[in-house]
Amino acid sequence: MRIPRFHLDAPLTPDARVQLPAQAAAHALRVLRLQPGDAITLFNGDGNEYRARLVATHGRGASAQVESCVKVETESALRITLAQALARGEKMDWIVQKAIELGVAAIVPIVTERSEVKLDDQRAAKRLDHWRAVVSAACEQAGRAVVPSIEAPQPLAQWLATPATDGALRLMLHPGDGTRLRALESVANAVTLAVGPEGGFGERDLAALREAGFRNLVLGPRILRTETAGLAAIAVLQALYGDW
């Protein structure tokens, strides 16, 4: 039986007693039906897992006793940053969740020329909090001990104006002439992948991306939806150059 994993945004040390977050406690007690004495695994994003046991339940809350710390090696040597144009409704949640499972290191939601989703500051802040919860839950499921970053939604031009410091290979998905993944002559240890919205990148987007050093990447003769294209490319990148 797999030991349940829970993310805590707090310092963790052996012998510490910690309170589970409300959502984690509800899942542990009401969904998994865990009891005091049951083993659980905690992580806070520092690259370690902390073996622990439930020691008390109180109402809807629960606390755990940390027993030991174990270094976890589940991060890909290929650091992938996904710059994903905002998608409608649950599509964006799906993209975020599956990208985390596939091993991306960072996600940047971007607003492009043809983006249909428009968020004011208040809605953008709420969506960011929601996406961060999706990221944490995906890390719990996938066994990741490092929590990837996800930024607030921002215009494509604003994101491109931020100087890149990681030396990443820059790729954008756009149908037509371009490079196939298996034809890339070299991939170091970092890739930034830009994926457009449902209608694809507009001409101004494409010009800005090319000026910023992005190469056109094609995924064969078929046109993939935005929620499929980026994930497919990430899977192939991991298979060819990552840890698959």
Protein backbone atom coordinates (compact mmCIF):
# COMPACT_ATOMS: atom_id res chain seq x y z
CA MET A 1 0.00 0.00 0.00
CA ARG A 2 1.35 3.39 -0.98
CA ILE A 3 1.97 5.73 1.95
CA PRO A 4 -0.02 8.99 1.53
CA ARG A 5 2.01 12.14 0.85
CA PHE A 6 1.11 15.65 2.01
CA HIS A 7 2.67 19.02 1.26
CA LEU A 8 3.34 21.44 4.14
CA ASP A 9 4.57 24.95 3.46
CA ALA A 10 6.59 25.00 6.67
CA PRO A 11 9.99 23.89 8.04
CA LEU A 12 10.22 20.17 8.79
CA THR A 13 12.73 18.41 11.02
CA PRO A 14 12.92 14.94 12.58
CA ASP A 15 11.16 14.72 15.96
CA ALA A 16 9.02 17.78 15.21
CA ARG A 17 5.27 17.68 15.76
CA VAL A 18 3.35 19.48 13.03
CA GLN A 19 -0.23 20.41 12.26
CA LEU A 20 -1.55 19.26 8.89
CA PRO A 21 -3.12 21.98 6.72
CA ALA A 22 -6.92 21.92 6.74
CA GLN A 23 -7.24 20.47 3.25
CA ALA A 24 -4.62 17.80 3.90
CA ALA A 25 -6.24 16.88 7.22
CA ALA A 26 -9.66 16.58 5.57
CA HIS A 27 -8.25 14.31 2.87
CA ALA A 28 -6.37 12.19 5.41
CA LEU A 29 -9.29 11.75 7.78
CA ARG A 30 -12.42 11.86 5.63
CA VAL A 31 -11.18 10.40 2.33
CA LEU A 32 -8.32 8.08 3.28
CA ARG A 33 -9.80 7.27 6.72
CA LEU A 34 -6.38 7.41 8.38
CA GLN A 35 -6.11 6.83 12.12
CA PRO A 36 -3.53 7.87 14.76
CA GLY A 37 -0.46 5.70 14.30
CA ASP A 38 -0.80 5.45 10.51
CA ALA A 39 2.29 6.29 8.46
CA ILE A 40 2.33 9.32 6.19
CA THR A 41 4.98 11.18 4.19
CA LEU A 42 5.44 14.95 4.37
CA PHE A 43 7.41 17.28 2.11
CA ASN A 44 7.90 21.04 1.98
CA GLY A 45 9.74 21.52 -1.31
CA ASP A 46 13.31 21.34 0.03
CA GLY A 47 14.05 18.12 -1.90
CA ASN A 48 13.50 15.80 1.06
CA GLU A 49 10.72 13.55 2.24
CA TYR A 50 9.87 13.34 5.92
CA ARG A 51 8.56 10.06 7.25
CA ALA A 52 5.90 10.74 9.86
CA ARG A 53 2.91 9.29 11.69
CA LEU A 54 -0.44 10.71 12.65
CA VAL A 55 -0.46 11.16 16.40
CA ALA A 56 -3.72 12.97 17.06
CA THR A 57 -6.97 14.00 15.44
CA HIS A 58 -9.15 16.80 16.78
CA GLY A 59 -12.39 17.63 15.07
CA ARG A 60 -11.48 18.20 11.45
CA GLY A 61 -7.78 18.70 12.23
CA ALA A 62 -4.84 16.35 12.58
CA SER A 63 -1.24 16.49 13.76
CA ALA A 64 1.75 14.31 12.92
CA GLN A 65 5.08 13.40 14.44
CA VAL A 66 8.05 13.57 12.07
CA GLU A 67 10.32 10.55 12.45
CA SER A 68 13.06 10.84 9.81
CA CYS A 69 14.28 12.74 6.76
CA VAL A 70 15.13 11.08 3.43
CA LYS A 71 16.73 12.76 0.40
CA VAL A 72 14.63 12.23 -2.73
CA GLU A 73 15.96 12.25 -6.31
CA THR A 74 12.90 12.72 -8.50
CA GLU A 75 13.83 15.90 -10.38
CA SER A 76 14.84 15.68 -14.03
CA ALA A 77 18.30 16.82 -15.06
CA LEU A 78 16.52 18.68 -17.88
CA ARG A 79 15.00 21.84 -16.45
CA ILE A 80 11.86 22.63 -18.47
CA THR A 81 10.03 25.92 -18.15
CA LEU A 82 6.56 25.93 -19.70
CA ALA A 83 5.26 29.30 -20.88
CA GLN A 84 1.62 28.45 -21.45
CA ALA A 85 -0.94 30.82 -22.94
CA LEU A 86 -4.01 31.02 -20.72
CA ALA A 87 -6.56 28.36 -21.56
CA ARG A 88 -10.24 28.32 -20.74
CA GLY A 89 -11.69 26.85 -17.54
CA GLU A 90 -10.49 23.44 -16.48
CA LYS A 91 -8.13 23.16 -19.45
CA MET A 92 -5.57 25.33 -17.64
CA ASP A 93 -5.87 23.24 -14.48
CA TRP A 94 -5.31 20.11 -16.60
CA ILE A 95 -2.23 21.61 -18.25
CA VAL A 96 -0.73 22.68 -14.92
CA GLN A 97 -1.43 19.33 -13.27
CA LYS A 98 -0.04 17.18 -16.06
CA ALA A 99 2.99 19.40 -16.67
CA ILE A 100 3.95 18.95 -13.01
CA GLU A 101 3.50 15.18 -13.30
CA LEU A 102 5.71 15.20 -16.39
CA GLY A 103 8.49 16.96 -14.49
CA VAL A 104 8.52 20.64 -15.49
CA ALA A 105 10.51 22.93 -13.22
CA ALA A 106 8.47 26.11 -13.71
CA ILE A 107 5.26 27.34 -15.32
CA VAL A 108 4.57 30.85 -16.62
CA PRO A 109 0.96 31.60 -17.66
CA ILE A 110 1.07 34.17 -20.46
CA VAL A 111 -1.48 36.43 -22.16
CA THR A 112 -1.02 36.50 -25.92
CA GLU A 113 -2.44 38.32 -28.92
CA ARG A 114 -5.21 35.77 -29.41
CA SER A 115 -5.84 34.87 -25.77
CA GLU A 116 -9.57 34.64 -25.09
CA VAL A 117 -9.17 34.45 -21.31
CA LYS A 118 -8.94 37.88 -19.68
CA LEU A 119 -8.20 38.23 -15.95
CA ASP A 120 -8.25 41.40 -13.87
CA ASP A 121 -5.83 41.68 -10.96
CA GLN A 122 -8.25 40.20 -8.43
CA ARG A 123 -9.20 37.24 -10.59
CA ALA A 124 -5.54 36.67 -11.55
CA ALA A 125 -4.57 36.52 -7.87
CA LYS A 126 -7.34 34.01 -7.16
CA ARG A 127 -6.34 31.87 -10.12
CA LEU A 128 -2.70 31.90 -9.02
CA ASP A 129 -3.66 30.67 -5.54
CA HIS A 130 -5.76 27.96 -7.17
CA TRP A 131 -2.95 26.90 -9.52
CA ARG A 132 -0.51 26.72 -6.63
CA ALA A 133 -2.88 24.28 -4.92
CA VAL A 134 -3.01 22.26 -8.15
CA VAL A 135 0.81 22.22 -8.23
CA SER A 136 1.04 21.01 -4.62
CA ALA A 137 -1.52 18.26 -5.20
CA ALA A 138 0.26 17.14 -8.37
CA CYS A 139 3.57 16.96 -6.48
CA GLU A 140 1.90 14.85 -3.78
CA GLN A 141 0.64 12.42 -6.40
CA ALA A 142 3.80 12.33 -8.52
CA GLY A 143 6.24 11.82 -5.66
CA ARG A 144 8.07 15.08 -6.25
CA ALA A 145 9.85 16.65 -3.28
CA VAL A 146 10.64 19.95 -5.01
CA VAL A 147 7.62 22.18 -5.69
CA PRO A 148 7.90 23.88 -9.10
CA SER A 149 7.19 27.59 -9.30
CA ILE A 150 4.18 29.03 -11.09
CA GLU A 151 4.06 32.74 -11.78
CA ALA A 152 1.17 35.16 -11.98
CA PRO A 153 -0.33 35.58 -15.47
CA GLN A 154 1.51 38.21 -17.48
CA PRO A 155 1.54 39.57 -21.03
CA LEU A 156 3.88 37.81 -23.42
CA ALA A 157 5.84 41.01 -24.03
CA GLN A 158 6.38 41.52 -20.31
CA TRP A 159 7.66 37.98 -19.89
CA LEU A 160 9.99 38.27 -22.88
CA ALA A 161 11.41 41.52 -21.48
CA THR A 162 12.72 39.65 -18.42
CA PRO A 163 16.38 38.77 -19.06
CA ALA A 164 17.02 35.02 -19.27
CA THR A 165 19.88 33.81 -17.08
CA ASP A 166 19.68 30.02 -17.41
CA GLY A 167 21.02 29.66 -20.96
CA ALA A 168 17.96 27.60 -21.87
CA LEU A 169 17.21 26.46 -25.39
CA ARG A 170 14.16 28.49 -26.43
CA LEU A 171 11.45 26.70 -28.38
CA MET A 172 7.94 27.71 -29.44
CA LEU A 173 5.22 25.45 -30.79
CA HIS A 174 3.77 26.62 -34.10
CA PRO A 175 2.54 24.58 -37.09
CA GLY A 176 4.42 24.86 -40.36
CA ASP A 177 8.10 24.92 -41.07
CA GLY A 178 10.31 24.23 -38.11
CA THR A 179 12.50 21.77 -36.28
CA ARG A 180 11.39 18.32 -35.13
CA LEU A 181 12.32 17.35 -31.58
CA ARG A 182 14.53 14.46 -32.61
CA ALA A 183 16.37 16.79 -35.00
CA LEU A 184 17.58 19.16 -32.28
CA GLU A 185 21.35 19.11 -32.54
CA SER A 186 21.92 19.71 -28.84
CA VAL A 187 19.98 20.26 -25.65
CA ALA A 188 21.98 21.32 -22.62
CA ASN A 189 20.20 21.15 -19.27
CA ALA A 190 17.42 23.70 -19.72
CA VAL A 191 14.59 24.27 -22.19
CA THR A 192 11.97 27.01 -22.28
CA LEU A 193 8.87 25.98 -24.22
CA ALA A 194 6.27 28.55 -25.32
CA VAL A 195 2.77 27.29 -26.18
CA GLY A 196 0.07 29.48 -27.71
CA PRO A 197 -3.67 29.68 -26.97
CA GLU A 198 -6.50 27.85 -28.71
CA GLY A 199 -6.09 29.96 -31.85
CA GLY A 200 -2.29 29.74 -31.86
CA PHE A 201 0.22 32.55 -31.67
CA GLY A 202 -0.61 35.69 -33.67
CA GLU A 203 1.86 37.32 -36.04
CA ARG A 204 2.96 39.90 -33.47
CA ASP A 205 3.52 37.10 -30.94
CA LEU A 206 5.59 35.12 -33.40
CA ALA A 207 7.71 38.15 -34.32
CA ALA A 208 8.37 38.91 -30.65
CA LEU A 209 9.25 35.30 -29.87
CA ARG A 210 11.64 35.05 -32.81
CA GLU A 211 13.31 38.29 -31.81
CA ALA A 212 13.77 36.85 -28.32
CA GLY A 213 15.58 33.82 -29.76
CA PHE A 214 12.79 31.24 -29.90
CA ARG A 215 13.03 28.56 -32.56
CA ASN A 216 9.93 27.08 -34.16
CA LEU A 217 9.20 23.52 -33.06
CA VAL A 218 6.76 21.30 -34.93
CA LEU A 219 5.12 18.12 -33.65
CA GLY A 220 4.35 16.40 -36.91
CA PRO A 221 1.67 16.98 -39.54
CA ARG A 222 -1.35 17.17 -37.21
CA ILE A 223 -2.60 20.27 -35.38
CA LEU A 224 -2.80 19.66 -31.63
CA ARG A 225 -4.95 21.56 -29.16
CA THR A 226 -3.23 23.86 -26.69
CA GLU A 227 -3.91 21.44 -23.81
CA THR A 228 -2.28 18.62 -25.82
CA ALA A 229 0.62 20.27 -27.64
CA GLY A 230 2.75 21.42 -24.73
CA LEU A 231 2.30 18.20 -22.76
CA ALA A 232 3.20 16.10 -25.79
CA ALA A 233 6.36 18.14 -26.36
CA ILE A 234 7.34 17.89 -22.69
CA ALA A 235 6.93 14.12 -22.74
CA VAL A 236 9.16 13.79 -25.80
CA LEU A 237 11.76 16.16 -24.33
CA GLN A 238 11.89 14.03 -21.20
CA ALA A 239 12.21 10.85 -23.25
CA LEU A 240 14.97 12.18 -25.51
CA TYR A 241 16.94 14.43 -23.17
CA GLY A 242 15.53 14.09 -19.64
CA ASP A 243 15.06 11.26 -17.16
CA TRP A 244 12.68 8.93 -19.01
